Amino acid sequence: MGPALDIAAMSAWPQLGITPGPVLRVFGMRRSGNHAVINWLARNAPEGRSLFFNNCTPGRKPFETYRAIEIDGVRVAGHGGNPVKHAAKAGDGTMLMFSYEDVMPNDRRKRPVSVDVDEAAISHDVVICRGFLNWAASLLKKVQGNEAFSAPQRVAIVLKALGGYANMLELAIAETELGVVVIRYEDWMNDAAYRAGVLGRLGFETRDDGLGEVQRYGKGSSFQAEAGAAEELNTLDRWKEMKDDPEYKIVMWLAAQDLALCDKLSKVYPGDAERLVRLRQDGTAGKAPQNNSAQDTAPAQILRRN
């Protein structure tokens, strides 16, 4: 027997022509392990059946603006595929997922994140979060691989993303009150009991507890492009690999001056917040660098501490 169908949802998805089972809307900042977690959710969907629309455009119709479609964890189409055709292949009762990157459901915008979607028919909003030091290291490493960006542009890209990251922290802080399901990437990587608990909150049984293969969206890992299995990734220590990078030091020093960000971070990732506070307090503590070079002022020893 498949999962019981929600009668209220039966007319909520005319864009797809099917009546799905559970519906997950997934949010995450780039380089937060989004696709590893999403693939794991697909593998643990009821009966192993899933239909996934990747990286939809916020403020638009999600099933017209996705970047790829997957059925049961296998990519079947890129942008411009026929969503109705692929939904028909997935069939009634399949778990439906659609994702957004660099946007959160609490962003203040004039239009809803998902246009023409009945939010009452969404079973769960899922937010994937990652610790600040490792997330910033992975994002910066990723943009450093694009020769079209200058050093100031690379730093600006990471700093611009801080607004979305702060919104993510707000959701993690008020997870229970807001009714969202937050998945902390570090705990998800390390703790089988944590993964089982997340599945329980979603109403899923554990079907496949493995971390799976490295997903190739965004060209895979920023640091280990050839890694095949998620277990091979050293994702929890990326900040150590970047601690002596001048651009990373600039990002860390500037982030440390954002008191509101540090306050939110202290409630979700207190270890990361402590490092930023020490960085702010040692040396300039919010003053402009003496030699106009933030990278020379940011004390490297702060980032070296465990």
Protein backbone atom coordinates (compact mmCIF):
# COMPACT_ATOMS: atom_id res chain seq x y z
CA MET A 1 0.00 0.00 0.00
CA GLY A 2 1.27 3.48 -0.83
CA PRO A 3 0.97 6.48 1.47
CA ALA A 4 -2.50 7.85 2.09
CA LEU A 5 -3.29 10.71 -0.24
CA ASP A 6 -4.32 14.08 1.15
CA ILE A 7 -7.72 14.83 -0.34
CA ALA A 8 -7.09 18.57 0.06
CA ALA A 9 -4.02 18.23 -2.16
CA MET A 10 -5.80 16.40 -4.98
CA SER A 11 -6.63 19.59 -6.86
CA ALA A 12 -3.58 21.54 -5.73
CA TRP A 13 -1.18 20.44 -8.46
CA PRO A 14 -2.96 20.95 -11.80
CA GLN A 15 0.36 22.12 -13.28
CA LEU A 16 1.61 18.53 -13.07
CA GLY A 17 -1.53 16.51 -13.69
CA ILE A 18 -0.88 14.12 -10.79
CA THR A 19 -1.86 13.78 -7.16
CA PRO A 20 1.44 13.48 -5.30
CA GLY A 21 2.07 11.96 -1.92
CA PRO A 22 4.14 14.03 0.51
CA VAL A 23 5.35 17.37 -0.86
CA LEU A 24 8.64 18.92 0.26
CA ARG A 25 9.80 22.41 -0.62
CA VAL A 26 13.54 22.59 0.04
CA PHE A 27 15.64 25.70 0.66
CA GLY A 28 19.40 26.02 1.01
CA MET A 29 22.28 28.38 0.35
CA ARG A 30 24.65 27.24 -2.39
CA ARG A 31 27.50 25.00 -1.16
CA SER A 32 25.50 23.79 1.83
CA GLY A 33 25.28 20.15 0.79
CA ASN A 34 21.84 20.69 -0.71
CA HIS A 35 21.99 18.00 -3.37
CA ALA A 36 23.51 15.39 -1.09
CA VAL A 37 20.63 15.87 1.34
CA ILE A 38 18.01 16.02 -1.43
CA ASN A 39 19.31 12.78 -2.97
CA TRP A 40 19.11 11.16 0.46
CA LEU A 41 15.52 12.36 0.85
CA ALA A 42 14.68 10.88 -2.55
CA ARG A 43 16.20 7.53 -1.57
CA ASN A 44 14.12 7.51 1.60
CA ALA A 45 10.85 8.61 0.03
CA PRO A 46 7.84 6.37 0.67
CA GLU A 47 8.25 3.30 -1.56
CA GLY A 48 11.39 4.94 -2.94
CA ARG A 49 9.32 7.02 -5.36
CA SER A 50 10.15 10.68 -5.92
CA LEU A 51 9.81 13.50 -8.44
CA PHE A 52 12.24 16.39 -7.99
CA PHE A 53 12.45 19.82 -9.63
CA ASN A 54 15.87 21.35 -9.00
CA ASN A 55 16.74 25.00 -8.35
CA CYS A 56 13.48 26.74 -9.25
CA THR A 57 13.41 30.51 -9.73
CA PRO A 58 11.92 32.36 -6.74
CA GLY A 59 8.95 34.59 -7.47
CA ARG A 60 8.06 32.52 -10.54
CA LYS A 61 6.11 29.34 -11.26
CA PRO A 62 8.40 26.53 -10.04
CA PHE A 63 7.42 23.96 -12.64
CA GLU A 64 8.28 26.36 -15.44
CA THR A 65 11.60 27.65 -14.08
CA TYR A 66 13.47 24.59 -12.75
CA ARG A 67 17.01 23.66 -13.85
CA ALA A 68 16.52 19.89 -13.92
CA ILE A 69 14.02 17.11 -13.24
CA GLU A 70 14.78 13.85 -11.44
CA ILE A 71 12.63 10.75 -11.03
CA ASP A 72 13.63 8.41 -8.20
CA GLY A 73 16.96 10.22 -7.87
CA VAL A 74 17.87 9.93 -11.56
CA ARG A 75 18.07 13.01 -13.77
CA VAL A 76 15.64 12.74 -16.68
CA ALA A 77 15.51 16.29 -18.06
CA GLY A 78 17.15 19.68 -17.90
CA HIS A 79 15.52 23.08 -18.13
CA GLY A 80 12.77 23.09 -20.74
CA GLY A 81 11.72 19.49 -20.28
CA ASN A 82 8.06 18.54 -20.20
CA PRO A 83 7.04 18.53 -16.52
CA VAL A 84 3.64 16.97 -17.17
CA LYS A 85 5.16 14.09 -19.13
CA HIS A 86 7.71 13.34 -16.42
CA ALA A 87 5.15 13.75 -13.65
CA ALA A 88 2.98 11.16 -15.42
CA LYS A 89 5.95 8.77 -15.42
CA ALA A 90 6.43 9.33 -11.69
CA GLY A 91 2.72 8.74 -11.11
CA ASP A 92 0.18 9.51 -8.41
CA GLY A 93 1.38 9.13 -4.84
CA THR A 94 5.02 9.88 -5.60
CA MET A 95 6.86 12.21 -3.24
CA LEU A 96 7.18 15.64 -4.86
CA MET A 97 10.17 17.88 -4.08
CA PHE A 98 11.14 21.23 -5.51
CA SER A 99 14.11 23.29 -4.39
CA TYR A 100 15.40 26.86 -4.20
CA GLU A 101 18.96 28.12 -3.77
CA ASP A 102 20.12 31.34 -2.10
CA VAL A 103 16.59 32.24 -1.05
CA MET A 104 14.63 31.46 2.10
CA PRO A 105 10.87 31.35 2.77
CA ASN A 106 11.25 34.27 5.21
CA ASP A 107 12.80 36.57 2.59
CA ARG A 108 10.84 39.79 2.29
CA ARG A 109 9.62 39.93 -1.29
CA LYS A 110 6.66 41.38 -3.14
CA ARG A 111 5.73 38.04 -4.69
CA PRO A 112 5.51 34.64 -3.01
CA VAL A 113 8.51 32.39 -3.44
CA SER A 114 6.41 29.82 -5.30
CA VAL A 115 3.87 31.45 -7.62
CA ASP A 116 0.61 29.57 -8.30
CA VAL A 117 1.37 27.01 -5.60
CA ASP A 118 -1.12 26.35 -2.81
CA GLU A 119 1.21 26.45 0.20
CA ALA A 120 -1.39 24.61 2.27
CA ALA A 121 -0.72 21.57 0.07
CA ILE A 122 3.02 21.57 0.93
CA SER A 123 3.71 18.94 3.57
CA HIS A 124 6.96 20.47 4.85
CA ASP A 125 9.30 23.35 4.17
CA VAL A 126 12.81 21.94 4.58
CA VAL A 127 15.79 24.22 5.24
CA ILE A 128 19.34 22.89 4.83
CA CYS A 129 21.92 24.81 6.83
CA ARG A 130 25.69 24.61 7.15
CA GLY A 131 28.16 26.19 9.58
CA PHE A 132 29.38 29.62 8.57
CA LEU A 133 33.14 29.06 8.38
CA ASN A 134 32.83 25.95 6.20
CA TRP A 135 30.03 27.37 4.06
CA ALA A 136 31.94 30.58 3.31
CA ALA A 137 35.09 28.59 2.56
CA SER A 138 33.26 26.36 0.06
CA LEU A 139 31.46 29.22 -1.63
CA LEU A 140 34.62 31.28 -2.00
CA LYS A 141 36.58 28.27 -3.29
CA LYS A 142 33.84 27.70 -5.85
CA VAL A 143 33.88 31.25 -7.23
CA GLN A 144 37.68 31.29 -7.21
CA GLY A 145 37.47 28.60 -9.88
CA ASN A 146 35.84 31.09 -12.27
CA GLU A 147 38.56 33.14 -13.96
CA ALA A 148 35.98 35.75 -15.03
CA PHE A 149 35.78 37.07 -11.45
CA SER A 150 38.40 39.39 -9.98
CA ALA A 151 39.37 39.17 -6.31
CA PRO A 152 37.04 42.06 -5.31
CA GLN A 153 34.19 40.44 -7.25
CA ARG A 154 34.76 37.10 -5.54
CA VAL A 155 34.69 38.67 -2.10
CA ALA A 156 31.58 40.67 -3.06
CA ILE A 157 29.75 37.50 -4.13
CA VAL A 158 30.30 35.90 -0.73
CA LEU A 159 29.39 39.07 1.16
CA LYS A 160 26.19 39.48 -0.87
CA ALA A 161 25.17 35.97 0.15
CA LEU A 162 25.37 36.87 3.85
CA GLY A 163 21.82 38.25 3.78
CA GLY A 164 20.39 34.91 2.71
CA TYR A 165 22.60 33.10 5.21
CA ALA A 166 21.30 35.34 8.01
CA ASN A 167 17.72 34.56 6.98
CA MET A 168 18.58 30.87 7.14
CA LEU A 169 19.85 31.34 10.70
CA GLU A 170 16.57 33.03 11.67
CA LEU A 171 14.67 29.97 10.46
CA ALA A 172 16.98 27.62 12.36
CA ILE A 173 16.54 29.65 15.56
CA ALA A 174 12.72 29.61 15.32
CA GLU A 175 12.41 26.17 13.71
CA THR A 176 9.71 24.83 16.03
CA GLU A 177 7.71 28.05 16.14
CA LEU A 178 7.74 28.42 12.34
CA GLY A 179 7.04 24.77 11.64
CA VAL A 180 9.98 24.26 9.28
CA VAL A 181 12.24 21.21 9.25
CA VAL A 182 15.87 22.31 9.53
CA ILE A 183 18.55 19.83 8.49
CA ARG A 184 21.99 20.70 9.83
CA TYR A 185 24.47 19.43 7.30
CA GLU A 186 27.23 18.65 9.81
CA ASP A 187 24.92 16.54 11.99
CA TRP A 188 23.47 14.90 8.91
CA MET A 189 26.97 13.89 7.75
CA ASN A 190 28.09 12.54 11.13
CA ASP A 191 25.12 11.02 12.93
CA ALA A 192 22.91 8.17 11.72
CA ALA A 193 20.52 8.75 14.63
CA TYR A 194 20.15 12.38 13.58
CA ARG A 195 19.31 11.30 10.02
CA ALA A 196 16.73 8.84 11.31
CA GLY A 197 15.21 11.57 13.46
CA VAL A 198 14.83 13.89 10.48
CA LEU A 199 13.10 11.18 8.49
CA GLY A 200 10.78 10.56 11.42
CA ARG A 201 9.81 14.24 11.53
CA LEU A 202 8.94 14.03 7.84
CA GLY A 203 6.88 10.90 8.40
CA PHE A 204 9.31 8.72 6.43
CA GLU A 205 10.79 5.36 7.34
CA THR A 206 14.53 4.80 6.94
CA ARG A 207 15.06 2.96 3.67
CA ASP A 208 18.66 3.90 2.83
CA ASP A 209 20.84 5.34 5.59
CA GLY A 210 23.93 5.86 3.42
CA LEU A 211 25.23 9.31 2.49
CA GLY A 212 25.19 8.35 -1.18
CA GLU A 213 27.38 9.43 -4.06
CA VAL A 214 28.70 12.94 -4.60
CA GLN A 215 26.12 14.84 -6.63
CA ARG A 216 27.41 16.58 -9.75
CA TYR A 217 25.21 19.66 -9.64
CA GLY A 218 27.48 22.70 -9.49
CA LYS A 219 30.35 20.44 -10.65
CA GLY A 220 30.44 18.57 -7.37
CA SER A 221 32.71 19.45 -4.47
CA SER A 222 34.55 22.78 -4.57
CA PHE A 223 37.63 21.08 -3.08
CA GLN A 224 37.52 17.41 -4.15
CA ALA A 225 36.20 17.38 -7.69
CA GLU A 226 37.04 13.70 -8.23
CA ALA A 227 35.44 12.34 -5.05
CA GLY A 228 32.85 9.66 -5.71
CA ALA A 229 31.27 8.91 -2.33
CA ALA A 230 30.06 11.50 0.14
CA GLU A 231 32.02 9.71 2.88
CA GLU A 232 35.23 10.71 1.06
CA LEU A 233 34.54 14.42 1.46
CA ASN A 234 36.31 16.41 4.16
CA THR A 235 33.42 18.85 4.34
CA LEU A 236 33.68 19.61 8.07
CA ASP A 237 37.15 21.18 7.86
CA ARG A 238 36.97 23.33 4.75
CA TRP A 239 37.72 26.47 6.77
CA LYS A 240 41.08 24.98 7.76
CA GLU A 241 41.97 24.58 4.08
CA MET A 242 41.15 28.27 3.46
CA LYS A 243 42.36 29.88 6.70
CA ASP A 244 45.50 31.33 5.08
CA ASP A 245 43.74 32.48 1.90
CA PRO A 246 43.83 36.32 1.74
CA GLU A 247 40.32 36.60 0.30
CA TYR A 248 38.94 34.28 2.97
CA LYS A 249 40.57 36.41 5.66
CA ILE A 250 38.88 39.50 4.23
CA VAL A 251 35.47 37.78 4.23
CA MET A 252 35.93 36.60 7.82
CA TRP A 253 37.08 40.01 9.05
CA LEU A 254 34.15 41.80 7.43
CA ALA A 255 31.63 39.20 8.64
CA ALA A 256 32.99 39.64 12.15
CA GLN A 257 31.95 43.31 12.04
CA ASP A 258 28.30 42.33 11.45
CA LEU A 259 26.99 42.22 15.01
CA ALA A 260 23.52 41.04 14.01
CA LEU A 261 24.96 38.15 12.00
CA CYS A 262 27.23 37.14 14.87
CA ASP A 263 24.33 37.24 17.33
CA LYS A 264 22.21 34.94 15.16
CA LEU A 265 25.18 32.68 14.51
CA SER A 266 25.78 32.30 18.25
CA LYS A 267 22.36 30.67 18.61
CA VAL A 268 22.93 28.10 15.86
CA TYR A 269 26.69 27.66 15.44
CA PRO A 270 28.21 29.06 18.65
CA GLY A 271 31.71 27.83 17.83
CA ASP A 272 31.76 29.77 14.57
CA ALA A 273 30.35 32.85 16.29
CA GLU A 274 33.04 32.66 18.96
CA ARG A 275 35.77 32.71 16.33
CA LEU A 276 34.25 35.76 14.66
CA VAL A 277 33.91 37.57 17.98
CA ARG A 278 37.56 36.90 18.80
CA LEU A 279 38.52 38.11 15.36
CA ARG A 280 36.59 41.34 15.89
CA GLN A 281 38.05 41.91 19.34
CA ASP A 282 41.67 41.19 18.46
CA GLY A 283 43.21 44.16 16.68
CA THR A 284 40.94 46.65 14.94
CA ALA A 285 37.59 45.58 16.46
CA GLY A 286 35.51 47.30 13.83
CA LYS A 287 37.94 50.09 12.91
CA ALA A 288 39.24 50.53 9.39
CA PRO A 289 42.53 48.65 8.82
CA GLN A 290 45.59 50.84 9.41
CA ASN A 291 47.12 50.00 6.04
CA ASN A 292 43.83 49.84 4.09
CA SER A 293 44.30 46.08 3.72
CA ALA A 294 41.73 44.05 5.62
CA GLN A 295 43.56 40.85 4.78
CA ASP A 296 46.69 42.04 6.65
CA THR A 297 44.64 43.06 9.68
CA ALA A 298 42.60 39.86 10.07
CA PRO A 299 44.69 37.85 12.54
CA ALA A 300 45.34 34.44 11.03
CA GLN A 301 45.88 32.91 14.47
CA ILE A 302 42.18 33.33 15.25
CA LEU A 303 41.22 31.07 12.37
CA ARG A 304 43.87 28.52 13.30
CA ARG A 305 42.36 27.82 16.71
CA ASN A 306 40.30 24.66 17.06
